[in-house]
Amino acid sequence: MKLGNISSPAEYRACFRLYRAAFPRAERKPVLQLLHARRHGKAELLGIFDDANILCGIAILLKNDTHALLDYFAVMPKSRGEGIGSRALALLRDHCGERRFLLEIEQCDIPCENKEQRLRRRRFYLRNGIQPSGILVLQNGVRLEVLCCGGDTSFAQYHTLIREGYGQRVAAKTTLLSENSGGAR
């Protein structure tokens, strides 16, 4: 398995088809915004390729000098349950080097229709070494928990990454709900 830049028209189509299928509309950023961030060196659109060079997942990373946010991460439905997610997550963490590695998940401790799915997702990340940061945010009306590894982080650092990568308009739609000191270990 390897990571590679999404580059061919077929890869772009597959990437954004999975993006639209895997993430609720309220959580998706406009495709043009993702491509703009990529063009300006703020984001990476990565494919997760198997040993036969078949696209089996996607990762959209937002990066600055100190932090990397795994903004979107999805495995193709036919490839799920094969350990690809855990292996890809390890590759992504290595790919980000010394940066603090962040990701957001839907908050689990609120009433919702997909509670079990949210809990499974959270357990997956915890099993793979990503820890709660103590930060809860509201982004486009969606309550998210920020998870982290590679050191503590703060809402200010996370918010700076969002603002630098996607601009003030997206940053303005990302507000702090709570921040517990101590963060990730």
C-alpha atoms as a PDB file:
ATOM      1  CA  MET A   1       0.000   0.000   0.000  1.00  0.00           C
ATOM      2  CA  LYS A   2       1.141   3.536  -0.742  1.00  0.00           C
ATOM      3  CA  LEU A   3       0.005   7.141  -0.766  1.00  0.00           C
ATOM      4  CA  GLY A   4       0.088   9.153  -3.966  1.00  0.00           C
ATOM      5  CA  ASN A   5      -1.211  12.440  -5.283  1.00  0.00           C
ATOM      6  CA  ILE A   6      -4.582  12.308  -7.008  1.00  0.00           C
ATOM      7  CA  SER A   7      -3.592  13.321 -10.532  1.00  0.00           C
ATOM      8  CA  SER A   8      -5.454  11.641 -13.395  1.00  0.00           C
ATOM      9  CA  PRO A   9      -8.993  12.587 -14.427  1.00  0.00           C
ATOM     10  CA  ALA A  10     -10.200   9.083 -13.479  1.00  0.00           C
ATOM     11  CA  GLU A  11      -8.606   9.416 -10.014  1.00  0.00           C
ATOM     12  CA  TYR A  12     -10.242  12.832  -9.516  1.00  0.00           C
ATOM     13  CA  ARG A  13     -13.641  11.418 -10.471  1.00  0.00           C
ATOM     14  CA  ALA A  14     -13.240   8.440  -8.118  1.00  0.00           C
ATOM     15  CA  CYS A  15     -11.895  10.658  -5.331  1.00  0.00           C
ATOM     16  CA  PHE A  16     -14.766  13.113  -5.396  1.00  0.00           C
ATOM     17  CA  ARG A  17     -17.378  10.400  -5.927  1.00  0.00           C
ATOM     18  CA  LEU A  18     -16.168   8.774  -2.685  1.00  0.00           C
ATOM     19  CA  TYR A  19     -15.946  12.199  -1.002  1.00  0.00           C
ATOM     20  CA  ARG A  20     -19.583  12.929  -1.809  1.00  0.00           C
ATOM     21  CA  ALA A  21     -20.750   9.449  -0.774  1.00  0.00           C
ATOM     22  CA  ALA A  22     -18.769   9.247   2.476  1.00  0.00           C
ATOM     23  CA  PHE A  23     -19.399  12.666   4.008  1.00  0.00           C
ATOM     24  CA  PRO A  24     -22.699  14.391   4.794  1.00  0.00           C
ATOM     25  CA  ARG A  25     -23.372  17.569   2.828  1.00  0.00           C
ATOM     26  CA  ALA A  26     -23.075  19.717   5.978  1.00  0.00           C
ATOM     27  CA  GLU A  27     -19.517  18.462   6.508  1.00  0.00           C
ATOM     28  CA  ARG A  28     -18.259  18.826   2.939  1.00  0.00           C
ATOM     29  CA  LYS A  29     -16.359  21.829   1.694  1.00  0.00           C
ATOM     30  CA  PRO A  30     -16.874  22.861  -1.935  1.00  0.00           C
ATOM     31  CA  VAL A  31     -14.621  20.886  -4.274  1.00  0.00           C
ATOM     32  CA  LEU A  32     -13.263  24.117  -5.764  1.00  0.00           C
ATOM     33  CA  GLN A  33     -12.207  25.241  -2.293  1.00  0.00           C
ATOM     34  CA  LEU A  34     -10.273  21.990  -1.779  1.00  0.00           C
ATOM     35  CA  LEU A  35      -8.616  22.337  -5.181  1.00  0.00           C
ATOM     36  CA  HIS A  36      -7.757  26.000  -4.456  1.00  0.00           C
ATOM     37  CA  ALA A  37      -6.072  25.011  -1.167  1.00  0.00           C
ATOM     38  CA  ARG A  38      -4.167  22.299  -2.999  1.00  0.00           C
ATOM     39  CA  ARG A  39      -3.072  24.640  -5.779  1.00  0.00           C
ATOM     40  CA  HIS A  40      -1.674  27.049  -3.162  1.00  0.00           C
ATOM     41  CA  GLY A  41       0.254  24.329  -1.323  1.00  0.00           C
ATOM     42  CA  LYS A  42      -2.011  24.344   1.746  1.00  0.00           C
ATOM     43  CA  ALA A  43      -3.686  20.978   1.139  1.00  0.00           C
ATOM     44  CA  GLU A  44      -2.909  17.595  -0.357  1.00  0.00           C
ATOM     45  CA  LEU A  45      -5.395  15.329  -2.117  1.00  0.00           C
ATOM     46  CA  LEU A  46      -3.935  11.895  -1.633  1.00  0.00           C
ATOM     47  CA  GLY A  47      -4.997   8.562  -2.952  1.00  0.00           C
ATOM     48  CA  ILE A  48      -4.527   5.395  -0.959  1.00  0.00           C
ATOM     49  CA  PHE A  49      -3.393   2.817  -3.499  1.00  0.00           C
ATOM     50  CA  ASP A  50      -3.127  -0.946  -3.026  1.00  0.00           C
ATOM     51  CA  ASP A  51      -0.208  -3.024  -4.293  1.00  0.00           C
ATOM     52  CA  ALA A  52      -1.853  -3.273  -7.731  1.00  0.00           C
ATOM     53  CA  ASN A  53      -2.004   0.559  -7.827  1.00  0.00           C
ATOM     54  CA  ILE A  54      -5.807   0.516  -7.504  1.00  0.00           C
ATOM     55  CA  LEU A  55      -7.342   3.479  -5.664  1.00  0.00           C
ATOM     56  CA  CYS A  56      -8.854   2.109  -2.444  1.00  0.00           C
ATOM     57  CA  GLY A  57      -9.266   5.312  -0.424  1.00  0.00           C
ATOM     58  CA  ILE A  58      -8.697   9.029  -0.160  1.00  0.00           C
ATOM     59  CA  ALA A  59      -7.117  11.421   2.304  1.00  0.00           C
ATOM     60  CA  ILE A  60      -7.391  15.193   2.141  1.00  0.00           C
ATOM     61  CA  LEU A  61      -4.765  16.834   4.347  1.00  0.00           C
ATOM     62  CA  LEU A  62      -4.503  20.464   5.354  1.00  0.00           C
ATOM     63  CA  LYS A  63      -0.953  21.347   6.450  1.00  0.00           C
ATOM     64  CA  ASN A  64       1.201  24.113   7.802  1.00  0.00           C
ATOM     65  CA  ASP A  65       4.676  23.999   9.361  1.00  0.00           C
ATOM     66  CA  THR A  66       3.550  22.585  12.723  1.00  0.00           C
ATOM     67  CA  HIS A  67       0.202  20.828  12.171  1.00  0.00           C
ATOM     68  CA  ALA A  68      -1.562  18.545   9.718  1.00  0.00           C
ATOM     69  CA  LEU A  69      -5.330  18.109   9.712  1.00  0.00           C
ATOM     70  CA  LEU A  70      -6.696  14.941   8.152  1.00  0.00           C
ATOM     71  CA  ASP A  71      -9.758  16.804   6.967  1.00  0.00           C
ATOM     72  CA  TYR A  72     -11.281  13.916   5.001  1.00  0.00           C
ATOM     73  CA  PHE A  73     -10.407  10.223   5.144  1.00  0.00           C
ATOM     74  CA  ALA A  74     -12.425   7.464   3.506  1.00  0.00           C
ATOM     75  CA  VAL A  75     -11.903   3.940   2.240  1.00  0.00           C
ATOM     76  CA  MET A  76     -13.812   2.604  -0.765  1.00  0.00           C
ATOM     77  CA  PRO A  77     -16.757   0.450   0.389  1.00  0.00           C
ATOM     78  CA  LYS A  78     -15.416  -2.672  -1.360  1.00  0.00           C
ATOM     79  CA  SER A  79     -12.079  -2.277   0.479  1.00  0.00           C
ATOM     80  CA  ARG A  80     -13.453  -1.837   4.002  1.00  0.00           C
ATOM     81  CA  GLY A  81     -12.827  -4.433   6.694  1.00  0.00           C
ATOM     82  CA  GLU A  82      -9.420  -5.391   5.287  1.00  0.00           C
ATOM     83  CA  GLY A  83      -7.232  -3.270   7.591  1.00  0.00           C
ATOM     84  CA  ILE A  84      -6.642  -0.669   4.890  1.00  0.00           C
ATOM     85  CA  GLY A  85      -7.805   2.197   7.119  1.00  0.00           C
ATOM     86  CA  SER A  86      -5.322   1.381   9.888  1.00  0.00           C
ATOM     87  CA  ARG A  87      -2.424   0.900   7.462  1.00  0.00           C
ATOM     88  CA  ALA A  88      -3.312   4.094   5.588  1.00  0.00           C
ATOM     89  CA  LEU A  89      -3.548   6.052   8.838  1.00  0.00           C
ATOM     90  CA  ALA A  90      -0.027   4.905   9.781  1.00  0.00           C
ATOM     91  CA  LEU A  91       1.241   5.959   6.334  1.00  0.00           C
ATOM     92  CA  LEU A  92      -0.447   9.340   6.699  1.00  0.00           C
ATOM     93  CA  ARG A  93       1.082   9.937  10.109  1.00  0.00           C
ATOM     94  CA  ASP A  94       4.519   9.088   8.692  1.00  0.00           C
ATOM     95  CA  HIS A  95       3.839  11.312   5.683  1.00  0.00           C
ATOM     96  CA  CYS A  96       3.177  14.273   8.014  1.00  0.00           C
ATOM     97  CA  GLY A  97       6.518  13.855   9.775  1.00  0.00           C
ATOM     98  CA  GLU A  98       6.957  15.848  12.981  1.00  0.00           C
ATOM     99  CA  ARG A  99       3.765  17.847  12.586  1.00  0.00           C
ATOM    100  CA  ARG A 100       1.009  17.389  15.146  1.00  0.00           C
ATOM    101  CA  PHE A 101      -1.569  15.200  13.458  1.00  0.00           C
ATOM    102  CA  LEU A 102      -5.192  16.301  13.907  1.00  0.00           C
ATOM    103  CA  LEU A 103      -8.549  15.082  12.749  1.00  0.00           C
ATOM    104  CA  GLU A 104     -12.177  15.835  13.486  1.00  0.00           C
ATOM    105  CA  ILE A 105     -14.966  13.393  14.234  1.00  0.00           C
ATOM    106  CA  GLU A 106     -18.637  13.983  14.868  1.00  0.00           C
ATOM    107  CA  GLN A 107     -19.265  14.424  18.572  1.00  0.00           C
ATOM    108  CA  CYS A 108     -20.417  11.114  20.102  1.00  0.00           C
ATOM    109  CA  ASP A 109     -22.072  12.219  23.326  1.00  0.00           C
ATOM    110  CA  ILE A 110     -25.076  13.999  21.808  1.00  0.00           C
ATOM    111  CA  PRO A 111     -28.347  12.512  20.553  1.00  0.00           C
ATOM    112  CA  CYS A 112     -28.060  11.454  16.899  1.00  0.00           C
ATOM    113  CA  GLU A 113     -29.311   8.871  14.425  1.00  0.00           C
ATOM    114  CA  ASN A 114     -25.884   7.345  13.725  1.00  0.00           C
ATOM    115  CA  LYS A 115     -24.529   7.069  17.269  1.00  0.00           C
ATOM    116  CA  GLU A 116     -23.094   3.552  16.807  1.00  0.00           C
ATOM    117  CA  GLN A 117     -21.286   4.597  13.620  1.00  0.00           C
ATOM    118  CA  ARG A 118     -19.807   7.615  15.422  1.00  0.00           C
ATOM    119  CA  LEU A 119     -18.669   5.450  18.340  1.00  0.00           C
ATOM    120  CA  ARG A 120     -17.085   2.877  15.986  1.00  0.00           C
ATOM    121  CA  ARG A 121     -15.234   5.652  14.175  1.00  0.00           C
ATOM    122  CA  ARG A 122     -13.961   7.111  17.456  1.00  0.00           C
ATOM    123  CA  ARG A 123     -12.814   3.678  18.699  1.00  0.00           C
ATOM    124  CA  PHE A 124     -10.982   3.122  15.391  1.00  0.00           C
ATOM    125  CA  TYR A 125      -8.972   6.317  15.813  1.00  0.00           C
ATOM    126  CA  LEU A 126      -8.238   5.671  19.491  1.00  0.00           C
ATOM    127  CA  ARG A 127      -7.015   2.146  18.621  1.00  0.00           C
ATOM    128  CA  ASN A 128      -4.694   3.734  16.082  1.00  0.00           C
ATOM    129  CA  GLY A 129      -3.038   6.104  18.547  1.00  0.00           C
ATOM    130  CA  ILE A 130      -5.060   9.271  17.966  1.00  0.00           C
ATOM    131  CA  GLN A 131      -6.204  10.789  21.260  1.00  0.00           C
ATOM    132  CA  PRO A 132      -8.784  13.362  22.381  1.00  0.00           C
ATOM    133  CA  SER A 133      -7.370  16.887  22.331  1.00  0.00           C
ATOM    134  CA  GLY A 134     -10.022  18.271  24.668  1.00  0.00           C
ATOM    135  CA  ILE A 135     -11.282  20.569  21.893  1.00  0.00           C
ATOM    136  CA  LEU A 136     -14.918  20.621  20.765  1.00  0.00           C
ATOM    137  CA  VAL A 137     -15.909  22.859  17.860  1.00  0.00           C
ATOM    138  CA  LEU A 138     -18.953  23.819  15.880  1.00  0.00           C
ATOM    139  CA  GLN A 139     -18.277  23.835  12.147  1.00  0.00           C
ATOM    140  CA  ASN A 140     -21.079  24.664   9.720  1.00  0.00           C
ATOM    141  CA  GLY A 141     -23.582  23.685  12.408  1.00  0.00           C
ATOM    142  CA  VAL A 142     -21.936  20.293  13.068  1.00  0.00           C
ATOM    143  CA  ARG A 143     -20.491  19.532  16.507  1.00  0.00           C
ATOM    144  CA  LEU A 144     -17.013  18.018  16.133  1.00  0.00           C
ATOM    145  CA  GLU A 145     -14.401  16.633  18.492  1.00  0.00           C
ATOM    146  CA  VAL A 146     -10.782  17.288  17.531  1.00  0.00           C
ATOM    147  CA  LEU A 147      -8.442  14.330  18.007  1.00  0.00           C
ATOM    148  CA  CYS A 148      -4.662  14.655  17.983  1.00  0.00           C
ATOM    149  CA  CYS A 149      -1.337  12.839  18.183  1.00  0.00           C
ATOM    150  CA  GLY A 150       2.227  14.037  18.207  1.00  0.00           C
ATOM    151  CA  GLY A 151       1.789  16.497  21.075  1.00  0.00           C
ATOM    152  CA  ASP A 152      -0.720  18.833  22.625  1.00  0.00           C
ATOM    153  CA  THR A 153      -2.583  21.341  20.509  1.00  0.00           C
ATOM    154  CA  SER A 154      -4.873  24.256  21.162  1.00  0.00           C
ATOM    155  CA  PHE A 155      -7.956  25.648  19.504  1.00  0.00           C
ATOM    156  CA  ALA A 156      -5.885  28.660  18.429  1.00  0.00           C
ATOM    157  CA  GLN A 157      -3.394  26.409  16.599  1.00  0.00           C
ATOM    158  CA  TYR A 158      -6.155  24.328  15.024  1.00  0.00           C
ATOM    159  CA  HIS A 159      -8.087  27.457  14.002  1.00  0.00           C
ATOM    160  CA  THR A 160      -4.951  29.022  12.492  1.00  0.00           C
ATOM    161  CA  LEU A 161      -4.498  25.921  10.344  1.00  0.00           C
ATOM    162  CA  ILE A 162      -8.108  26.189   9.123  1.00  0.00           C
ATOM    163  CA  ARG A 163      -7.744  29.924   8.396  1.00  0.00           C
ATOM    164  CA  GLU A 164      -4.401  29.558   6.602  1.00  0.00           C
ATOM    165  CA  GLY A 165      -5.615  26.631   4.527  1.00  0.00           C
ATOM    166  CA  TYR A 166      -9.195  27.506   3.657  1.00  0.00           C
ATOM    167  CA  GLY A 167      -9.410  31.216   4.388  1.00  0.00           C
ATOM    168  CA  GLN A 168     -11.281  33.465   6.781  1.00  0.00           C
ATOM    169  CA  ARG A 169     -14.744  32.497   5.507  1.00  0.00           C
ATOM    170  CA  VAL A 170     -14.340  28.848   6.572  1.00  0.00           C
ATOM    171  CA  ALA A 171     -12.499  29.836   9.748  1.00  0.00           C
ATOM    172  CA  ALA A 172     -15.410  32.092  10.702  1.00  0.00           C
ATOM    173  CA  LYS A 173     -17.731  29.063  10.487  1.00  0.00           C
ATOM    174  CA  THR A 174     -15.517  27.137  12.925  1.00  0.00           C
ATOM    175  CA  THR A 175     -16.125  28.182  16.530  1.00  0.00           C
ATOM    176  CA  LEU A 176     -14.927  26.845  19.844  1.00  0.00           C
ATOM    177  CA  LEU A 177     -17.473  25.059  22.026  1.00  0.00           C
ATOM    178  CA  SER A 178     -15.049  23.951  24.739  1.00  0.00           C
ATOM    179  CA  GLU A 179     -11.363  23.400  25.329  1.00  0.00           C
ATOM    180  CA  ASN A 180     -10.075  21.361  28.250  1.00  0.00           C
ATOM    181  CA  SER A 181      -6.487  21.963  29.263  1.00  0.00           C
ATOM    182  CA  GLY A 182      -4.086  19.061  29.011  1.00  0.00           C
ATOM    183  CA  GLY A 183      -5.195  17.940  25.565  1.00  0.00           C
ATOM    184  CA  ALA A 184      -3.644  14.913  23.873  1.00  0.00           C
ATOM    185  CA  ARG A 185      -0.804  12.983  25.306  1.00  0.00           C
END
